[in-house]
Amino acid sequence: MIRRLLFITFLIALPIASVFAQKRPDFSGTWKLNLANSNFGILGGPTSRTDVIIHKGPSLSSSTTEDNVQGKQQYRINYTTDGKESVNKLGPYEVKSTLKWVGSKLVISSRFIYSNVNITSEVTWTLSPDGKTLTTNTHFKGDLGDSSQKLVFEKQEVVAPTPANAAP
């Protein structure tokens, strides 16, 4: 009798558990930085930034264009979300990163050397329930101290081009 009751409880709980399981979001899209809602901390931030993210399975790439005190910067980063280390070159710097899922959040742990200073960072990507806001929280640690940043991105609607002679 107890076995049957446990079995029935298991069958009832199984669909409920799947409803509460965390789904891994797709971060693909064109994302524009919302300067007013972001907090750059002591590191400062850009005057504009747009990221184009392509996320297919364990492959994730981000192409970034930003304007900052050094002028216009463009770079591309490639990752895998399967826990394998990714190595990217950002100008003269080599950045080694590992990504892991924590529920529906993506956590990127990186390490690099900047001006002879060892730096580690942990970035947590969170997508809003409606899929229109991407928030990244970054914590940097280095030989000279710690700092944090919060970047808030808004998903841009992609408008399909229409022929000039098409009727509205």
Protein backbone atom coordinates (compact mmCIF):
# COMPACT_ATOMS: atom_id res chain seq x y z
CA MET A 1 0.00 0.00 0.00
CA ILE A 2 2.78 2.45 0.91
CA ARG A 3 4.66 1.61 -2.30
CA ARG A 4 1.57 2.30 -4.35
CA LEU A 5 1.03 5.62 -2.56
CA LEU A 6 4.67 6.62 -3.18
CA PHE A 7 4.37 5.61 -6.83
CA ILE A 8 1.21 7.69 -7.29
CA THR A 9 2.85 10.65 -5.51
CA PHE A 10 5.85 10.33 -7.86
CA LEU A 11 3.60 10.30 -10.93
CA ILE A 12 1.77 13.39 -9.74
CA ALA A 13 4.98 15.25 -8.82
CA LEU A 14 6.81 14.50 -12.08
CA PRO A 15 4.79 16.89 -14.30
CA ILE A 16 4.84 19.56 -11.58
CA ALA A 17 8.64 19.31 -11.33
CA SER A 18 9.01 19.75 -15.07
CA VAL A 19 6.92 22.94 -14.93
CA PHE A 20 9.30 24.41 -12.36
CA ALA A 21 12.47 23.27 -14.15
CA GLN A 22 14.62 26.20 -15.25
CA LYS A 23 14.66 26.64 -19.01
CA ARG A 24 17.92 27.88 -20.49
CA PRO A 25 17.26 31.08 -22.41
CA ASP A 26 18.45 31.93 -25.91
CA PHE A 27 20.43 35.18 -25.72
CA SER A 28 20.41 35.72 -29.50
CA GLY A 29 19.59 39.20 -30.73
CA THR A 30 20.80 42.73 -31.17
CA TRP A 31 21.19 44.39 -27.77
CA LYS A 32 21.63 48.12 -27.17
CA LEU A 33 23.12 49.30 -23.88
CA ASN A 34 20.78 51.42 -21.76
CA LEU A 35 23.23 53.93 -20.31
CA ALA A 36 20.77 55.38 -17.79
CA ASN A 37 19.93 52.01 -16.21
CA SER A 38 23.53 50.74 -16.14
CA ASN A 39 26.03 51.24 -13.33
CA PHE A 40 29.64 51.36 -14.55
CA GLY A 41 31.23 51.76 -11.13
CA ILE A 42 34.76 53.13 -10.82
CA LEU A 43 35.76 51.71 -14.21
CA GLY A 44 33.56 54.08 -16.18
CA GLY A 45 31.69 53.05 -19.28
CA PRO A 46 31.11 53.68 -22.95
CA THR A 47 29.03 56.46 -24.46
CA SER A 48 27.23 53.84 -26.58
CA ARG A 49 27.37 50.08 -27.08
CA THR A 50 25.58 47.49 -29.19
CA ASP A 51 26.12 43.74 -28.94
CA VAL A 52 24.96 41.24 -31.55
CA ILE A 53 24.70 37.83 -29.91
CA ILE A 54 24.30 34.53 -31.74
CA HIS A 55 23.42 31.68 -29.38
CA LYS A 56 22.89 28.23 -30.89
CA GLY A 57 23.16 25.23 -28.60
CA PRO A 58 26.45 25.34 -26.72
CA SER A 59 27.91 27.92 -29.15
CA LEU A 60 27.66 31.59 -28.20
CA SER A 61 29.32 34.53 -29.95
CA SER A 62 29.07 38.23 -29.26
CA SER A 63 30.09 41.00 -31.67
CA THR A 64 30.43 44.32 -29.85
CA THR A 65 30.62 47.86 -31.17
CA GLU A 66 31.12 50.63 -28.64
CA ASP A 67 32.21 54.22 -28.41
CA ASN A 68 34.31 55.17 -25.40
CA VAL A 69 37.13 57.53 -24.38
CA GLN A 70 39.50 55.56 -26.65
CA GLY A 71 37.24 56.00 -29.68
CA LYS A 72 35.25 53.38 -31.55
CA GLN A 73 36.00 49.79 -30.52
CA GLN A 74 34.85 46.61 -32.23
CA TYR A 75 35.52 43.07 -31.14
CA ARG A 76 34.10 39.56 -31.29
CA ILE A 77 34.12 36.93 -28.56
CA ASN A 78 33.36 33.23 -29.05
CA TYR A 79 32.34 30.93 -26.20
CA THR A 80 30.88 27.52 -25.55
CA THR A 81 28.35 27.00 -22.77
CA ASP A 82 29.41 23.40 -22.12
CA GLY A 83 32.07 24.20 -19.52
CA LYS A 84 35.04 23.99 -21.90
CA GLU A 85 37.58 26.81 -21.77
CA SER A 86 37.36 29.44 -24.51
CA VAL A 87 40.32 31.65 -25.42
CA ASN A 88 39.71 35.04 -27.06
CA LYS A 89 42.08 37.82 -28.12
CA LEU A 90 40.91 41.34 -27.29
CA GLY A 91 43.55 43.56 -28.83
CA PRO A 92 46.82 42.52 -27.21
CA TYR A 93 45.08 40.69 -24.37
CA GLU A 94 44.34 36.97 -24.20
CA VAL A 95 41.20 36.20 -22.17
CA LYS A 96 40.49 32.65 -20.97
CA SER A 97 36.87 31.98 -20.04
CA THR A 98 34.65 29.15 -18.84
CA LEU A 99 30.85 29.32 -18.97
CA LYS A 100 28.35 27.43 -16.86
CA TRP A 101 24.61 27.48 -16.34
CA VAL A 102 23.19 28.26 -12.92
CA GLY A 103 19.49 27.66 -13.46
CA SER A 104 18.47 30.05 -16.23
CA LYS A 105 21.47 32.34 -15.65
CA LEU A 106 24.73 32.07 -17.57
CA VAL A 107 27.91 32.64 -15.54
CA ILE A 108 31.15 33.53 -17.34
CA SER A 109 34.37 33.16 -15.35
CA SER A 110 37.41 34.76 -17.02
CA ARG A 111 41.02 35.51 -16.32
CA PHE A 112 43.51 37.75 -18.09
CA ILE A 113 46.51 40.02 -17.54
CA TYR A 114 45.97 43.76 -18.00
CA SER A 115 49.00 46.07 -17.68
CA ASN A 116 50.93 43.37 -15.77
CA VAL A 117 48.03 42.92 -13.32
CA ASN A 118 46.25 39.59 -12.94
CA ILE A 119 42.49 40.07 -13.30
CA THR A 120 39.64 37.62 -12.80
CA SER A 121 36.03 38.38 -13.54
CA GLU A 122 32.70 36.70 -13.07
CA VAL A 123 29.84 37.89 -15.26
CA THR A 124 26.27 36.71 -14.71
CA TRP A 125 23.88 37.09 -17.65
CA THR A 126 20.18 37.26 -16.82
CA LEU A 127 17.35 37.54 -19.35
CA SER A 128 14.08 39.14 -18.27
CA PRO A 129 10.95 36.94 -18.41
CA ASP A 130 9.69 38.80 -21.51
CA GLY A 131 13.08 38.32 -23.25
CA LYS A 132 13.50 42.05 -23.89
CA THR A 133 16.12 42.95 -21.27
CA LEU A 134 19.55 41.40 -20.79
CA THR A 135 21.33 42.31 -17.57
CA THR A 136 24.99 41.51 -16.97
CA ASN A 137 26.48 41.81 -13.50
CA THR A 138 30.27 41.72 -13.47
CA HIS A 139 32.61 41.46 -10.52
CA PHE A 140 36.31 42.08 -11.20
CA LYS A 141 39.09 41.01 -8.84
CA GLY A 142 42.71 41.97 -9.27
CA ASP A 143 45.94 42.67 -7.53
CA LEU A 144 44.84 46.30 -7.14
CA GLY A 145 41.36 45.60 -5.73
CA ASP A 146 37.81 44.72 -6.69
CA SER A 147 35.12 46.49 -8.67
CA SER A 148 31.69 45.78 -10.09
CA GLN A 149 29.53 46.82 -13.01
CA LYS A 150 25.92 46.31 -13.99
CA LEU A 151 25.04 46.65 -17.68
CA VAL A 152 21.43 46.70 -18.84
CA PHE A 153 20.73 45.98 -22.51
CA GLU A 154 17.46 46.33 -24.42
CA LYS A 155 16.65 43.99 -27.27
CA GLN A 156 16.27 45.80 -30.57
CA GLU A 157 13.46 44.88 -32.92
CA VAL A 158 14.74 43.76 -36.28
CA VAL A 159 12.67 45.38 -39.02
CA ALA A 160 12.68 43.43 -42.25
CA PRO A 161 13.53 45.62 -45.25
CA THR A 162 10.67 46.28 -47.63
CA PRO A 163 10.99 47.09 -51.31
CA ALA A 164 10.72 50.82 -52.06
CA ASN A 165 7.73 50.25 -54.31
CA ALA A 166 5.79 48.00 -51.94
CA ALA A 167 2.36 49.19 -50.85
CA PRO A 168 2.11 50.08 -47.15
